[in-house]
Amino acid sequence: MTSLPSDINALSRNAPRRRIVASTAKTTSSIVYEVPASKSLRIESLSVCNTAVGTVTFRLFILGANESTAVSNAVYYDNPLRGNATLLDDSIRYLNAGDRIALRADTASSLSLQIHGVEI
């Protein structure tokens, strides 16, 4: 991943925070978001909600523009989330144009992912 513009924090203070991703996990790694050309993304929060009764294991990846899913770019890897539970992550993350977010779960349609942030 390349470095971000030095003024991204100043820019993001004036940009509206909004939902960037609302997606349901599949059993294969799927791209759920790609930063548009000439944009940057500041992720301010993400939540993963297990709507099933049983535990679901998931993987969440942040990929550079030319990367494939791998252990080296996993944010969560085989993370178990118990039934009817939600994981909240308010870590700030920055992505550049072309960077992508991928998600997979061991049970289809049981996890929903919401990401909020600022696209600049």
PDB file of N, CA and C in Angstrom:
ATOM      1  N   MET A   1       0.826  -1.164   0.000  1.00  0.00           N
ATOM      2  CA  MET A   1       0.000   0.000   0.000  1.00  0.00           C
ATOM      3  C   MET A   1       0.880   1.238   0.000  1.00  0.00           C
ATOM      4  N   THR A   2       0.465   2.262  -0.685  1.00  0.00           N
ATOM      5  CA  THR A   2       1.242   3.483  -0.762  1.00  0.00           C
ATOM      6  C   THR A   2       0.878   4.413   0.386  1.00  0.00           C
ATOM      7  N   SER A   3       1.696   5.445   0.574  1.00  0.00           N
ATOM      8  CA  SER A   3       1.413   6.385   1.652  1.00  0.00           C
ATOM      9  C   SER A   3       0.242   7.293   1.280  1.00  0.00           C
ATOM     10  N   LEU A   4      -0.425   7.762   2.296  1.00  0.00           N
ATOM     11  CA  LEU A   4      -1.588   8.623   2.115  1.00  0.00           C
ATOM     12  C   LEU A   4      -1.176  10.083   2.097  1.00  0.00           C
ATOM     13  N   PRO A   5      -1.997  10.938   1.520  1.00  0.00           N
ATOM     14  CA  PRO A   5      -1.697  12.359   1.543  1.00  0.00           C
ATOM     15  C   PRO A   5      -1.577  12.858   2.983  1.00  0.00           C
ATOM     16  N   SER A   6      -0.656  13.758   3.234  1.00  0.00           N
ATOM     17  CA  SER A   6      -0.440  14.247   4.594  1.00  0.00           C
ATOM     18  C   SER A   6      -1.623  15.031   5.137  1.00  0.00           C
ATOM     19  N   ASP A   7      -2.497  15.516   4.260  1.00  0.00           N
ATOM     20  CA  ASP A   7      -3.634  16.313   4.714  1.00  0.00           C
ATOM     21  C   ASP A   7      -4.925  15.503   4.851  1.00  0.00           C
ATOM     22  N   ILE A   8      -4.838  14.172   4.867  1.00  0.00           N
ATOM     23  CA  ILE A   8      -6.060  13.370   4.900  1.00  0.00           C
ATOM     24  C   ILE A   8      -6.855  13.587   6.187  1.00  0.00           C
ATOM     25  N   ASN A   9      -6.180  13.763   7.327  1.00  0.00           N
ATOM     26  CA  ASN A   9      -6.928  14.003   8.566  1.00  0.00           C
ATOM     27  C   ASN A   9      -7.675  15.318   8.518  1.00  0.00           C
ATOM     28  N   ALA A  10      -7.046  16.361   7.993  1.00  0.00           N
ATOM     29  CA  ALA A  10      -7.722  17.651   7.861  1.00  0.00           C
ATOM     30  C   ALA A  10      -8.906  17.539   6.899  1.00  0.00           C
ATOM     31  N   LEU A  11      -8.715  16.844   5.800  1.00  0.00           N
ATOM     32  CA  LEU A  11      -9.793  16.682   4.834  1.00  0.00           C
ATOM     33  C   LEU A  11     -10.949  15.877   5.413  1.00  0.00           C
ATOM     34  N   SER A  12     -10.631  14.817   6.154  1.00  0.00           N
ATOM     35  CA  SER A  12     -11.688  13.948   6.662  1.00  0.00           C
ATOM     36  C   SER A  12     -12.524  14.634   7.735  1.00  0.00           C
ATOM     37  N   ARG A  13     -11.983  15.640   8.410  1.00  0.00           N
ATOM     38  CA  ARG A  13     -12.779  16.368   9.407  1.00  0.00           C
ATOM     39  C   ARG A  13     -13.926  17.119   8.753  1.00  0.00           C
ATOM     40  N   ASN A  14     -13.763  17.522   7.510  1.00  0.00           N
ATOM     41  CA  ASN A  14     -14.792  18.293   6.821  1.00  0.00           C
ATOM     42  C   ASN A  14     -15.698  17.427   5.939  1.00  0.00           C
ATOM     43  N   ALA A  15     -15.352  16.173   5.748  1.00  0.00           N
ATOM     44  CA  ALA A  15     -16.144  15.280   4.898  1.00  0.00           C
ATOM     45  C   ALA A  15     -17.175  14.553   5.759  1.00  0.00           C
ATOM     46  N   PRO A  16     -18.321  14.242   5.193  1.00  0.00           N
ATOM     47  CA  PRO A  16     -19.351  13.566   5.979  1.00  0.00           C
ATOM     48  C   PRO A  16     -19.003  12.100   6.242  1.00  0.00           C
ATOM     49  N   ARG A  17     -19.227  11.679   7.478  1.00  0.00           N
ATOM     50  CA  ARG A  17     -19.067  10.271   7.836  1.00  0.00           C
ATOM     51  C   ARG A  17     -20.321   9.549   7.350  1.00  0.00           C
ATOM     52  N   ARG A  18     -20.101   8.368   6.731  1.00  0.00           N
ATOM     53  CA  ARG A  18     -21.257   7.634   6.219  1.00  0.00           C
ATOM     54  C   ARG A  18     -20.972   6.140   6.215  1.00  0.00           C
ATOM     55  N   ARG A  19     -22.020   5.379   5.972  1.00  0.00           N
ATOM     56  CA  ARG A  19     -21.826   3.937   5.836  1.00  0.00           C
ATOM     57  C   ARG A  19     -21.177   3.679   4.485  1.00  0.00           C
ATOM     58  N   ILE A  20     -20.067   2.977   4.511  1.00  0.00           N
ATOM     59  CA  ILE A  20     -19.301   2.667   3.308  1.00  0.00           C
ATOM     60  C   ILE A  20     -19.663   1.270   2.805  1.00  0.00           C
ATOM     61  N   VAL A  21     -19.839   0.328   3.720  1.00  0.00           N
ATOM     62  CA  VAL A  21     -20.124  -1.060   3.366  1.00  0.00           C
ATOM     63  C   VAL A  21     -21.289  -1.573   4.200  1.00  0.00           C
ATOM     64  N   ALA A  22     -22.189  -2.281   3.546  1.00  0.00           N
ATOM     65  CA  ALA A  22     -23.223  -3.080   4.199  1.00  0.00           C
ATOM     66  C   ALA A  22     -23.297  -4.359   3.382  1.00  0.00           C
ATOM     67  N   SER A  23     -22.793  -5.458   3.937  1.00  0.00           N
ATOM     68  CA  SER A  23     -22.662  -6.678   3.148  1.00  0.00           C
ATOM     69  C   SER A  23     -22.919  -7.902   4.012  1.00  0.00           C
ATOM     70  N   THR A  24     -23.302  -8.979   3.364  1.00  0.00           N
ATOM     71  CA  THR A  24     -23.487 -10.274   4.012  1.00  0.00           C
ATOM     72  C   THR A  24     -22.390 -11.216   3.518  1.00  0.00           C
ATOM     73  N   ALA A  25     -21.810 -11.962   4.445  1.00  0.00           N
ATOM     74  CA  ALA A  25     -20.688 -12.844   4.115  1.00  0.00           C
ATOM     75  C   ALA A  25     -21.138 -14.068   3.323  1.00  0.00           C
ATOM     76  N   LYS A  26     -20.274 -14.484   2.410  1.00  0.00           N
ATOM     77  CA  LYS A  26     -20.443 -15.727   1.658  1.00  0.00           C
ATOM     78  C   LYS A  26     -19.422 -16.738   2.180  1.00  0.00           C
ATOM     79  N   THR A  27     -19.476 -17.967   1.680  1.00  0.00           N
ATOM     80  CA  THR A  27     -18.531 -18.987   2.131  1.00  0.00           C
ATOM     81  C   THR A  27     -17.210 -18.966   1.359  1.00  0.00           C
ATOM     82  N   THR A  28     -17.092 -18.078   0.402  1.00  0.00           N
ATOM     83  CA  THR A  28     -15.821 -17.862  -0.289  1.00  0.00           C
ATOM     84  C   THR A  28     -15.432 -16.402  -0.094  1.00  0.00           C
ATOM     85  N   SER A  29     -14.152 -16.119  -0.097  1.00  0.00           N
ATOM     86  CA  SER A  29     -13.707 -14.737   0.062  1.00  0.00           C
ATOM     87  C   SER A  29     -14.240 -13.896  -1.085  1.00  0.00           C
ATOM     88  N   SER A  30     -14.941 -12.832  -0.748  1.00  0.00           N
ATOM     89  CA  SER A  30     -15.550 -11.954  -1.747  1.00  0.00           C
ATOM     90  C   SER A  30     -15.180 -10.512  -1.449  1.00  0.00           C
ATOM     91  N   ILE A  31     -14.890  -9.761  -2.489  1.00  0.00           N
ATOM     92  CA  ILE A  31     -14.611  -8.337  -2.336  1.00  0.00           C
ATOM     93  C   ILE A  31     -15.933  -7.635  -2.029  1.00  0.00           C
ATOM     94  N   VAL A  32     -15.974  -6.903  -0.917  1.00  0.00           N
ATOM     95  CA  VAL A  32     -17.196  -6.189  -0.540  1.00  0.00           C
ATOM     96  C   VAL A  32     -17.067  -4.683  -0.763  1.00  0.00           C
ATOM     97  N   TYR A  33     -15.832  -4.232  -1.019  1.00  0.00           N
ATOM     98  CA  TYR A  33     -15.626  -2.799  -1.267  1.00  0.00           C
ATOM     99  C   TYR A  33     -14.275  -2.595  -1.929  1.00  0.00           C
ATOM    100  N   GLU A  34     -14.233  -1.637  -2.863  1.00  0.00           N
ATOM    101  CA  GLU A  34     -12.979  -1.195  -3.464  1.00  0.00           C
ATOM    102  C   GLU A  34     -12.968   0.322  -3.452  1.00  0.00           C
ATOM    103  N   VAL A  35     -11.863   0.904  -2.959  1.00  0.00           N
ATOM    104  CA  VAL A  35     -11.745   2.359  -2.923  1.00  0.00           C
ATOM    105  C   VAL A  35     -11.707   2.868  -4.367  1.00  0.00           C
ATOM    106  N   PRO A  36     -12.598   3.803  -4.708  1.00  0.00           N
ATOM    107  CA  PRO A  36     -12.629   4.323  -6.084  1.00  0.00           C
ATOM    108  C   PRO A  36     -11.323   5.027  -6.464  1.00  0.00           C
ATOM    109  N   ALA A  37     -11.082   5.105  -7.764  1.00  0.00           N
ATOM    110  CA  ALA A  37      -9.907   5.810  -8.293  1.00  0.00           C
ATOM    111  C   ALA A  37      -9.891   7.242  -7.779  1.00  0.00           C
ATOM    112  N   SER A  38      -8.731   7.739  -7.489  1.00  0.00           N
ATOM    113  CA  SER A  38      -8.470   9.100  -6.999  1.00  0.00           C
ATOM    114  C   SER A  38      -9.166   9.417  -5.674  1.00  0.00           C
ATOM    115  N   LYS A  39      -9.483   8.395  -4.891  1.00  0.00           N
ATOM    116  CA  LYS A  39     -10.077   8.583  -3.563  1.00  0.00           C
ATOM    117  C   LYS A  39      -9.214   7.895  -2.516  1.00  0.00           C
ATOM    118  N   SER A  40      -9.417   8.266  -1.274  1.00  0.00           N
ATOM    119  CA  SER A  40      -8.847   7.582  -0.114  1.00  0.00           C
ATOM    120  C   SER A  40      -9.999   7.298   0.835  1.00  0.00           C
ATOM    121  N   LEU A  41      -9.807   6.347   1.729  1.00  0.00           N
ATOM    122  CA  LEU A  41     -10.843   5.986   2.688  1.00  0.00           C
ATOM    123  C   LEU A  41     -10.263   5.969   4.085  1.00  0.00           C
ATOM    124  N   ARG A  42     -10.981   6.585   4.994  1.00  0.00           N
ATOM    125  CA  ARG A  42     -10.662   6.505   6.415  1.00  0.00           C
ATOM    126  C   ARG A  42     -11.771   5.672   7.052  1.00  0.00           C
ATOM    127  N   ILE A  43     -11.435   4.455   7.466  1.00  0.00           N
ATOM    128  CA  ILE A  43     -12.399   3.612   8.176  1.00  0.00           C
ATOM    129  C   ILE A  43     -12.390   4.034   9.634  1.00  0.00           C
ATOM    130  N   GLU A  44     -13.564   4.365  10.150  1.00  0.00           N
ATOM    131  CA  GLU A  44     -13.666   4.804  11.539  1.00  0.00           C
ATOM    132  C   GLU A  44     -14.278   3.748  12.450  1.00  0.00           C
ATOM    133  N   SER A  45     -15.087   2.864  11.886  1.00  0.00           N
ATOM    134  CA  SER A  45     -15.644   1.772  12.683  1.00  0.00           C
ATOM    135  C   SER A  45     -16.120   0.666  11.766  1.00  0.00           C
ATOM    136  N   LEU A  46     -16.084  -0.538  12.302  1.00  0.00           N
ATOM    137  CA  LEU A  46     -16.679  -1.660  11.589  1.00  0.00           C
ATOM    138  C   LEU A  46     -17.356  -2.559  12.602  1.00  0.00           C
ATOM    139  N   SER A  47     -18.426  -3.198  12.150  1.00  0.00           N
ATOM    140  CA  SER A  47     -19.113  -4.169  12.996  1.00  0.00           C
ATOM    141  C   SER A  47     -19.404  -5.412  12.180  1.00  0.00           C
ATOM    142  N   VAL A  48     -19.274  -6.545  12.852  1.00  0.00           N
ATOM    143  CA  VAL A  48     -19.613  -7.833  12.261  1.00  0.00           C
ATOM    144  C   VAL A  48     -20.669  -8.434  13.177  1.00  0.00           C
ATOM    145  N   CYS A  49     -21.830  -8.719  12.608  1.00  0.00           N
ATOM    146  CA  CYS A  49     -22.955  -9.221  13.389  1.00  0.00           C
ATOM    147  C   CYS A  49     -23.301 -10.638  12.953  1.00  0.00           C
ATOM    148  N   ASN A  50     -23.326 -11.555  13.905  1.00  0.00           N
ATOM    149  CA  ASN A  50     -23.722 -12.935  13.630  1.00  0.00           C
ATOM    150  C   ASN A  50     -25.216 -13.058  13.909  1.00  0.00           C
ATOM    151  N   THR A  51     -26.000 -13.258  12.867  1.00  0.00           N
ATOM    152  CA  THR A  51     -27.454 -13.366  13.018  1.00  0.00           C
ATOM    153  C   THR A  51     -27.906 -14.811  13.231  1.00  0.00           C
ATOM    154  N   ALA A  52     -26.969 -15.747  13.212  1.00  0.00           N
ATOM    155  CA  ALA A  52     -27.291 -17.159  13.430  1.00  0.00           C
ATOM    156  C   ALA A  52     -27.293 -17.476  14.925  1.00  0.00           C
ATOM    157  N   VAL A  53     -27.870 -18.610  15.281  1.00  0.00           N
ATOM    158  CA  VAL A  53     -27.894 -19.045  16.672  1.00  0.00           C
ATOM    159  C   VAL A  53     -26.541 -19.616  17.081  1.00  0.00           C
ATOM    160  N   GLY A  54     -25.878 -20.317  16.157  1.00  0.00           N
ATOM    161  CA  GLY A  54     -24.600 -20.945  16.458  1.00  0.00           C
ATOM    162  C   GLY A  54     -23.411 -20.063  16.111  1.00  0.00           C
ATOM    163  N   THR A  55     -22.251 -20.495  16.553  1.00  0.00           N
ATOM    164  CA  THR A  55     -21.007 -19.778  16.292  1.00  0.00           C
ATOM    165  C   THR A  55     -20.655 -19.841  14.801  1.00  0.00           C
ATOM    166  N   VAL A  56     -20.203 -18.714  14.264  1.00  0.00           N
ATOM    167  CA  VAL A  56     -19.750 -18.620  12.877  1.00  0.00           C
ATOM    168  C   VAL A  56     -18.311 -18.103  12.903  1.00  0.00           C
ATOM    169  N   THR A  57     -17.463 -18.711  12.097  1.00  0.00           N
ATOM    170  CA  THR A  57     -16.068 -18.291  11.979  1.00  0.00           C
ATOM    171  C   THR A  57     -15.920 -17.461  10.707  1.00  0.00           C
ATOM    172  N   PHE A  58     -15.198 -16.343  10.808  1.00  0.00           N
ATOM    173  CA  PHE A  58     -15.067 -15.465   9.636  1.00  0.00           C
ATOM    174  C   PHE A  58     -13.646 -14.978   9.450  1.00  0.00           C
ATOM    175  N   ARG A  59     -13.407 -14.465   8.241  1.00  0.00           N
ATOM    176  CA  ARG A  59     -12.141 -13.819   7.882  1.00  0.00           C
ATOM    177  C   ARG A  59     -12.462 -12.478   7.249  1.00  0.00           C
ATOM    178  N   LEU A  60     -11.697 -11.466   7.628  1.00  0.00           N
ATOM    179  CA  LEU A  60     -11.825 -10.129   7.048  1.00  0.00           C
ATOM    180  C   LEU A  60     -10.427  -9.694   6.620  1.00  0.00           C
ATOM    181  N   PHE A  61     -10.318  -9.237   5.375  1.00  0.00           N
ATOM    182  CA  PHE A  61      -9.026  -8.854   4.809  1.00  0.00           C
ATOM    183  C   PHE A  61      -9.067  -7.414   4.314  1.00  0.00           C
ATOM    184  N   ILE A  62      -7.956  -6.711   4.449  1.00  0.00           N
ATOM    185  CA  ILE A  62      -7.752  -5.431   3.776  1.00  0.00           C
ATOM    186  C   ILE A  62      -6.609  -5.661   2.800  1.00  0.00           C
ATOM    187  N   LEU A  63      -6.921  -5.509   1.519  1.00  0.00           N
ATOM    188  CA  LEU A  63      -5.998  -5.864   0.451  1.00  0.00           C
ATOM    189  C   LEU A  63      -5.495  -4.628  -0.274  1.00  0.00           C
ATOM    190  N   GLY A  64      -4.223  -4.626  -0.599  1.00  0.00           N
ATOM    191  CA  GLY A  64      -3.703  -3.615  -1.498  1.00  0.00           C
ATOM    192  C   GLY A  64      -4.278  -3.844  -2.886  1.00  0.00           C
ATOM    193  N   ALA A  65      -4.092  -2.905  -3.775  1.00  0.00           N
ATOM    194  CA  ALA A  65      -4.700  -2.959  -5.103  1.00  0.00           C
ATOM    195  C   ALA A  65      -4.377  -4.237  -5.867  1.00  0.00           C
ATOM    196  N   ASN A  66      -3.195  -4.797  -5.687  1.00  0.00           N
ATOM    197  CA  ASN A  66      -2.803  -5.985  -6.455  1.00  0.00           C
ATOM    198  C   ASN A  66      -2.627  -7.225  -5.591  1.00  0.00           C
ATOM    199  N   GLU A  67      -3.191  -7.219  -4.409  1.00  0.00           N
ATOM    200  CA  GLU A  67      -3.014  -8.342  -3.489  1.00  0.00           C
ATOM    201  C   GLU A  67      -4.188  -9.307  -3.540  1.00  0.00           C
ATOM    202  N   SER A  68      -3.900 -10.548  -3.180  1.00  0.00           N
ATOM    203  CA  SER A  68      -4.921 -11.577  -3.004  1.00  0.00           C
ATOM    204  C   SER A  68      -5.076 -11.839  -1.512  1.00  0.00           C
ATOM    205  N   THR A  69      -6.199 -12.445  -1.117  1.00  0.00           N
ATOM    206  CA  THR A  69      -6.396 -12.748   0.299  1.00  0.00           C
ATOM    207  C   THR A  69      -5.304 -13.695   0.785  1.00  0.00           C
ATOM    208  N   ALA A  70      -4.749 -13.378   1.945  1.00  0.00           N
ATOM    209  CA  ALA A  70      -3.671 -14.174   2.536  1.00  0.00           C
ATOM    210  C   ALA A  70      -3.597 -13.870   4.024  1.00  0.00           C
ATOM    211  N   VAL A  71      -2.928 -14.726   4.746  1.00  0.00           N
ATOM    212  CA  VAL A  71      -2.747 -14.506   6.180  1.00  0.00           C
ATOM    213  C   VAL A  71      -2.109 -13.142   6.432  1.00  0.00           C
ATOM    214  N   SER A  72      -1.204 -12.731   5.566  1.00  0.00           N
ATOM    215  CA  SER A  72      -0.459 -11.486   5.760  1.00  0.00           C
ATOM    216  C   SER A  72      -1.314 -10.225   5.676  1.00  0.00           C
ATOM    217  N   ASN A  73      -2.491 -10.283   5.064  1.00  0.00           N
ATOM    218  CA  ASN A  73      -3.334  -9.078   5.001  1.00  0.00           C
ATOM    219  C   ASN A  73      -4.677  -9.272   5.701  1.00  0.00           C
ATOM    220  N   ALA A  74      -4.733 -10.245   6.590  1.00  0.00           N
ATOM    221  CA  ALA A  74      -5.954 -10.493   7.361  1.00  0.00           C
ATOM    222  C   ALA A  74      -6.055  -9.525   8.538  1.00  0.00           C
ATOM    223  N   VAL A  75      -7.240  -9.003   8.734  1.00  0.00           N
ATOM    224  CA  VAL A  75      -7.540  -8.221   9.937  1.00  0.00           C
ATOM    225  C   VAL A  75      -8.086  -9.184  10.999  1.00  0.00           C
ATOM    226  N   TYR A  76      -8.961 -10.073  10.578  1.00  0.00           N
ATOM    227  CA  TYR A  76      -9.463 -11.180  11.406  1.00  0.00           C
ATOM    228  C   TYR A  76      -9.329 -12.448  10.581  1.00  0.00           C
ATOM    229  N   TYR A  77      -8.781 -13.507  11.191  1.00  0.00           N
ATOM    230  CA  TYR A  77      -8.567 -14.753  10.456  1.00  0.00           C
ATOM    231  C   TYR A  77      -9.098 -15.914  11.290  1.00  0.00           C
ATOM    232  N   ASP A  78     -10.090 -16.595  10.762  1.00  0.00           N
ATOM    233  CA  ASP A  78     -10.760 -17.695  11.464  1.00  0.00           C
ATOM    234  C   ASP A  78     -11.189 -17.277  12.869  1.00  0.00           C
ATOM    235  N   ASN A  79     -11.776 -16.108  12.917  1.00  0.00           N
ATOM    236  CA  ASN A  79     -12.252 -15.547  14.173  1.00  0.00           C
ATOM    237  C   ASN A  79     -13.654 -16.089  14.476  1.00  0.00           C
ATOM    238  N   PRO A  80     -13.837 -16.793  15.598  1.00  0.00           N
ATOM    239  CA  PRO A  80     -15.172 -17.285  15.927  1.00  0.00           C
ATOM    240  C   PRO A  80     -16.019 -16.172  16.551  1.00  0.00           C
ATOM    241  N   LEU A  81     -17.257 -16.082  16.104  1.00  0.00           N
ATOM    242  CA  LEU A  81     -18.198 -15.109  16.661  1.00  0.00           C
ATOM    243  C   LEU A  81     -19.435 -15.889  17.086  1.00  0.00           C
ATOM    244  N   ARG A  82     -19.704 -15.888  18.378  1.00  0.00           N
ATOM    245  CA  ARG A  82     -20.804 -16.714  18.876  1.00  0.00           C
ATOM    246  C   ARG A  82     -22.149 -16.236  18.334  1.00  0.00           C
ATOM    247  N   GLY A  83     -23.125 -17.090  18.421  1.00  0.00           N
ATOM    248  CA  GLY A  83     -24.446 -16.795  17.888  1.00  0.00           C
ATOM    249  C   GLY A  83     -25.054 -15.538  18.473  1.00  0.00           C
ATOM    250  N   ASN A  84     -25.708 -14.762  17.626  1.00  0.00           N
ATOM    251  CA  ASN A  84     -26.400 -13.528  18.017  1.00  0.00           C
ATOM    252  C   ASN A  84     -25.487 -12.521  18.707  1.00  0.00           C
ATOM    253  N   ALA A  85     -24.220 -12.533  18.340  1.00  0.00           N
ATOM    254  CA  ALA A  85     -23.245 -11.603  18.916  1.00  0.00           C
ATOM    255  C   ALA A  85     -22.766 -10.630  17.846  1.00  0.00           C
ATOM    256  N   THR A  86     -22.210  -9.516  18.302  1.00  0.00           N
ATOM    257  CA  THR A  86     -21.672  -8.503  17.399  1.00  0.00           C
ATOM    258  C   THR A  86     -20.277  -8.117  17.846  1.00  0.00           C
ATOM    259  N   LEU A  87     -19.362  -8.045  16.896  1.00  0.00           N
ATOM    260  CA  LEU A  87     -18.011  -7.566  17.143  1.00  0.00           C
ATOM    261  C   LEU A  87     -17.952  -6.118  16.671  1.00  0.00           C
ATOM    262  N   LEU A  88     -17.491  -5.235  17.528  1.00  0.00           N
ATOM    263  CA  LEU A  88     -17.316  -3.822  17.178  1.00  0.00           C
ATOM    264  C   LEU A  88     -15.835  -3.493  17.185  1.00  0.00           C
ATOM    265  N   ASP A  89     -15.362  -2.822  16.144  1.00  0.00           N
ATOM    266  CA  ASP A  89     -13.947  -2.466  16.009  1.00  0.00           C
ATOM    267  C   ASP A  89     -13.885  -1.009  15.592  1.00  0.00           C
ATOM    268  N   ASP A  90     -13.356  -0.164  16.473  1.00  0.00           N
ATOM    269  CA  ASP A  90     -13.275   1.266  16.152  1.00  0.00           C
ATOM    270  C   ASP A  90     -11.845   1.710  15.851  1.00  0.00           C
ATOM    271  N   SER A  91     -11.013   0.760  15.403  1.00  0.00           N
ATOM    272  CA  SER A  91      -9.654   1.097  14.973  1.00  0.00           C
ATOM    273  C   SER A  91      -9.719   1.935  13.704  1.00  0.00           C
ATOM    274  N   ILE A  92      -8.928   2.995  13.663  1.00  0.00           N
ATOM    275  CA  ILE A  92      -8.857   3.837  12.468  1.00  0.00           C
ATOM    276  C   ILE A  92      -7.925   3.166  11.467  1.00  0.00           C
ATOM    277  N   ARG A  93      -8.407   3.043  10.223  1.00  0.00           N
ATOM    278  CA  ARG A  93      -7.599   2.452   9.155  1.00  0.00           C
ATOM    279  C   ARG A  93      -7.713   3.336   7.923  1.00  0.00           C
ATOM    280  N   TYR A  94      -6.619   3.427   7.172  1.00  0.00           N
ATOM    281  CA  TYR A  94      -6.597   4.228   5.950  1.00  0.00           C
ATOM    282  C   TYR A  94      -6.361   3.333   4.748  1.00  0.00           C
ATOM    283  N   LEU A  95      -7.141   3.556   3.698  1.00  0.00           N
ATOM    284  CA  LEU A  95      -6.982   2.813   2.455  1.00  0.00           C
ATOM    285  C   LEU A  95      -6.826   3.796   1.307  1.00  0.00           C
ATOM    286  N   ASN A  96      -6.088   3.379   0.298  1.00  0.00           N
ATOM    287  CA  ASN A  96      -5.847   4.200  -0.888  1.00  0.00           C
ATOM    288  C   ASN A  96      -6.697   3.722  -2.058  1.00  0.00           C
ATOM    289  N   ALA A  97      -6.716   4.503  -3.110  1.00  0.00           N
ATOM    290  CA  ALA A  97      -7.428   4.125  -4.334  1.00  0.00           C
ATOM    291  C   ALA A  97      -7.008   2.727  -4.773  1.00  0.00           C
ATOM    292  N   GLY A  98      -7.990   1.891  -5.066  1.00  0.00           N
ATOM    293  CA  GLY A  98      -7.721   0.534  -5.522  1.00  0.00           C
ATOM    294  C   GLY A  98      -7.613  -0.496  -4.416  1.00  0.00           C
ATOM    295  N   ASP A  99      -7.415  -0.067  -3.173  1.00  0.00           N
ATOM    296  CA  ASP A  99      -7.389  -1.014  -2.059  1.00  0.00           C
ATOM    297  C   ASP A  99      -8.782  -1.607  -1.889  1.00  0.00           C
ATOM    298  N   ARG A 100      -8.835  -2.843  -1.365  1.00  0.00           N
ATOM    299  CA  ARG A 100     -10.112  -3.541  -1.277  1.00  0.00           C
ATOM    300  C   ARG A 100     -10.307  -4.187   0.086  1.00  0.00           C
ATOM    301  N   ILE A 101     -11.566  -4.482   0.391  1.00  0.00           N
ATOM    302  CA  ILE A 101     -11.936  -5.195   1.607  1.00  0.00           C
ATOM    303  C   ILE A 101     -12.631  -6.480   1.173  1.00  0.00           C
ATOM    304  N   ALA A 102     -12.199  -7.607   1.756  1.00  0.00           N
ATOM    305  CA  ALA A 102     -12.800  -8.903   1.426  1.00  0.00           C
ATOM    306  C   ALA A 102     -13.281  -9.577   2.709  1.00  0.00           C
ATOM    307  N   LEU A 103     -14.315 -10.389   2.558  1.00  0.00           N
ATOM    308  CA  LEU A 103     -14.954 -11.050   3.700  1.00  0.00           C
ATOM    309  C   LEU A 103     -15.343 -12.466   3.304  1.00  0.00           C
ATOM    310  N   ARG A 104     -15.260 -13.392   4.259  1.00  0.00           N
ATOM    311  CA  ARG A 104     -15.789 -14.747   4.082  1.00  0.00           C
ATOM    312  C   ARG A 104     -16.198 -15.292   5.437  1.00  0.00           C
ATOM    313  N   ALA A 105     -17.116 -16.243   5.434  1.00  0.00           N
ATOM    314  CA  ALA A 105     -17.555 -16.907   6.664  1.00  0.00           C
ATOM    315  C   ALA A 105     -17.737 -18.390   6.378  1.00  0.00           C
ATOM    316  N   ASP A 106     -17.725 -19.198   7.436  1.00  0.00           N
ATOM    317  CA  ASP A 106     -17.906 -20.629   7.217  1.00  0.00           C
ATOM    318  C   ASP A 106     -19.376 -21.010   7.030  1.00  0.00           C
ATOM    319  N   THR A 107     -20.282 -20.076   7.269  1.00  0.00           N
ATOM    320  CA  THR A 107     -21.708 -20.287   7.058  1.00  0.00           C
ATOM    321  C   THR A 107     -22.244 -19.117   6.243  1.00  0.00           C
ATOM    322  N   ALA A 108     -22.856 -19.405   5.104  1.00  0.00           N
ATOM    323  CA  ALA A 108     -23.360 -18.334   4.223  1.00  0.00           C
ATOM    324  C   ALA A 108     -24.519 -17.585   4.861  1.00  0.00           C
ATOM    325  N   SER A 109     -24.571 -16.295   4.600  1.00  0.00           N
ATOM    326  CA  SER A 109     -25.694 -15.419   4.976  1.00  0.00           C
ATOM    327  C   SER A 109     -25.937 -15.323   6.472  1.00  0.00           C
ATOM    328  N   SER A 110     -24.935 -15.619   7.288  1.00  0.00           N
ATOM    329  CA  SER A 110     -25.101 -15.531   8.741  1.00  0.00           C
ATOM    330  C   SER A 110     -24.420 -14.322   9.352  1.00  0.00           C
ATOM    331  N   LEU A 111     -23.498 -13.702   8.607  1.00  0.00           N
ATOM    332  CA  LEU A 111     -22.771 -12.546   9.127  1.00  0.00           C
ATOM    333  C   LEU A 111     -23.063 -11.325   8.279  1.00  0.00           C
ATOM    334  N   SER A 112     -23.281 -10.216   8.952  1.00  0.00           N
ATOM    335  CA  SER A 112     -23.387  -8.959   8.217  1.00  0.00           C
ATOM    336  C   SER A 112     -22.243  -8.046   8.661  1.00  0.00           C
ATOM    337  N   LEU A 113     -21.698  -7.335   7.692  1.00  0.00           N
ATOM    338  CA  LEU A 113     -20.585  -6.417   7.921  1.00  0.00           C
ATOM    339  C   LEU A 113     -21.057  -5.002   7.619  1.00  0.00           C
ATOM    340  N   GLN A 114     -20.789  -4.095   8.547  1.00  0.00           N
ATOM    341  CA  GLN A 114     -21.062  -2.668   8.333  1.00  0.00           C
ATOM    342  C   GLN A 114     -19.759  -1.924   8.597  1.00  0.00           C
ATOM    343  N   ILE A 115     -19.393  -1.054   7.656  1.00  0.00           N
ATOM    344  CA  ILE A 115     -18.207  -0.218   7.830  1.00  0.00           C
ATOM    345  C   ILE A 115     -18.630   1.224   7.630  1.00  0.00           C
ATOM    346  N   HIS A 116     -18.233   2.073   8.586  1.00  0.00           N
ATOM    347  CA  HIS A 116     -18.507   3.508   8.509  1.00  0.00           C
ATOM    348  C   HIS A 116     -17.198   4.266   8.436  1.00  0.00           C
ATOM    349  N   GLY A 117     -17.196   5.344   7.674  1.00  0.00           N
ATOM    350  CA  GLY A 117     -15.994   6.143   7.546  1.00  0.00           C
ATOM    351  C   GLY A 117     -16.181   7.302   6.615  1.00  0.00           C
ATOM    352  N   VAL A 118     -15.068   7.775   6.088  1.00  0.00           N
ATOM    353  CA  VAL A 118     -15.045   8.960   5.242  1.00  0.00           C
ATOM    354  C   VAL A 118     -14.264   8.635   3.975  1.00  0.00           C
ATOM    355  N   GLU A 119     -14.892   8.888   2.841  1.00  0.00           N
ATOM    356  CA  GLU A 119     -14.242   8.747   1.542  1.00  0.00           C
ATOM    357  C   GLU A 119     -13.856  10.148   1.076  1.00  0.00           C
ATOM    358  N   ILE A 120     -12.592  10.313   0.746  1.00  0.00           N
ATOM    359  CA  ILE A 120     -12.111  11.638   0.360  1.00  0.00           C
ATOM    360  C   ILE A 120     -11.543  11.580  -1.039  1.00  0.00           C
TER     361      ILE A 120
END
